[in-house]
Amino acid sequence: MKKIAYSKQAIKTLSKLPVNESSRIRSKLRQYADDPASQANNVRKLQGQSACRLRVGDWRVIFDEDDVVIEVIKVGARGDV
């Protein structure tokens, strides 16, 4: 299992979301941290960057990962990220 670290911008966005949406996004991130294959069809590598995108309904989570840590860079609506 990988550790999940959130940027200030991601924490700010998650705190402004409704509780059910925020907990759903955090849950999907935990699932991905535990078993990346479980969310394989929802994760895509971004072109020209080392970051990846996780799709959670109408929300997108931009993150970068290494062997130990998943660093959440940005959380936003589908059209904004």
Protein backbone atom coordinates (compact mmCIF):
# COMPACT_ATOMS: atom_id res chain seq x y z
CA MET A 1 0.00 0.00 0.00
CA LYS A 2 1.26 3.43 -0.95
CA LYS A 3 0.97 6.54 1.17
CA ILE A 4 -1.25 9.36 -0.16
CA ALA A 5 -0.08 12.98 0.14
CA TYR A 6 -2.32 15.92 -0.80
CA SER A 7 -1.19 19.34 -2.06
CA LYS A 8 -2.65 22.48 -0.46
CA GLN A 9 -4.73 23.09 -3.58
CA ALA A 10 -6.17 19.55 -3.50
CA ILE A 11 -7.05 19.83 0.21
CA LYS A 12 -8.76 23.17 -0.40
CA THR A 13 -10.84 21.76 -3.26
CA LEU A 14 -11.80 18.62 -1.34
CA SER A 15 -12.88 20.69 1.67
CA LYS A 16 -15.23 22.76 -0.51
CA LEU A 17 -16.90 19.72 -2.06
CA PRO A 18 -20.00 18.07 -0.59
CA VAL A 19 -19.06 15.43 1.98
CA ASN A 20 -20.30 12.50 -0.13
CA GLU A 21 -18.25 13.58 -3.18
CA SER A 22 -15.13 14.23 -1.12
CA SER A 23 -15.34 10.85 0.63
CA ARG A 24 -15.97 9.11 -2.71
CA ILE A 25 -12.82 10.67 -4.20
CA ARG A 26 -10.73 9.76 -1.15
CA SER A 27 -12.12 6.22 -1.24
CA LYS A 28 -11.14 5.75 -4.89
CA LEU A 29 -7.65 7.05 -4.13
CA ARG A 30 -7.33 4.56 -1.25
CA GLN A 31 -8.49 1.73 -3.53
CA TYR A 32 -5.87 2.74 -6.09
CA ALA A 33 -3.16 2.94 -3.41
CA ASP A 34 -4.05 -0.55 -2.15
CA ASP A 35 -4.39 -2.19 -5.56
CA PRO A 36 -3.61 -0.18 -8.72
CA ALA A 37 -5.19 -2.87 -10.92
CA SER A 38 -8.60 -2.24 -9.31
CA GLN A 39 -8.79 1.24 -10.90
CA ALA A 40 -6.80 0.44 -14.06
CA ASN A 41 -9.54 1.48 -16.48
CA ASN A 42 -10.04 4.83 -14.66
CA VAL A 43 -6.37 5.89 -14.64
CA ARG A 44 -4.61 7.40 -17.63
CA LYS A 45 -1.10 8.79 -18.05
CA LEU A 46 -1.10 12.45 -19.12
CA GLN A 47 0.62 13.23 -22.39
CA GLY A 48 3.91 15.08 -22.06
CA GLN A 49 3.92 14.82 -18.25
CA SER A 50 4.86 12.28 -15.62
CA ALA A 51 1.48 12.74 -13.89
CA CYS A 52 -1.63 10.56 -14.18
CA ARG A 53 -5.36 11.21 -14.05
CA LEU A 54 -7.93 9.29 -12.01
CA ARG A 55 -11.56 9.53 -13.11
CA VAL A 56 -14.17 9.59 -10.31
CA GLY A 57 -17.57 10.34 -11.86
CA ASP A 58 -17.53 13.97 -13.03
CA TRP A 59 -14.36 14.69 -11.02
CA ARG A 60 -10.74 14.25 -12.04
CA VAL A 61 -7.76 13.76 -9.75
CA ILE A 62 -4.31 14.63 -11.11
CA PHE A 63 -1.55 12.81 -9.25
CA ASP A 64 2.06 11.78 -9.51
CA GLU A 65 3.33 8.55 -8.02
CA ASP A 66 6.53 6.75 -7.22
CA ASP A 67 7.17 3.45 -5.42
CA VAL A 68 6.09 4.74 -2.00
CA VAL A 69 3.92 7.87 -2.32
CA ILE A 70 0.97 9.01 -4.41
CA GLU A 71 1.10 12.82 -4.48
CA VAL A 72 -2.30 14.34 -5.31
CA ILE A 73 -1.62 17.54 -7.22
CA LYS A 74 -5.07 18.75 -8.21
CA VAL A 75 -8.74 17.80 -7.88
CA GLY A 76 -11.27 19.40 -10.18
CA ALA A 77 -14.37 19.06 -12.29
CA ARG A 78 -14.12 17.18 -15.55
CA GLY A 79 -13.89 20.25 -17.80
CA ASP A 80 -11.59 22.28 -15.56
CA VAL A 81 -8.67 19.92 -15.08
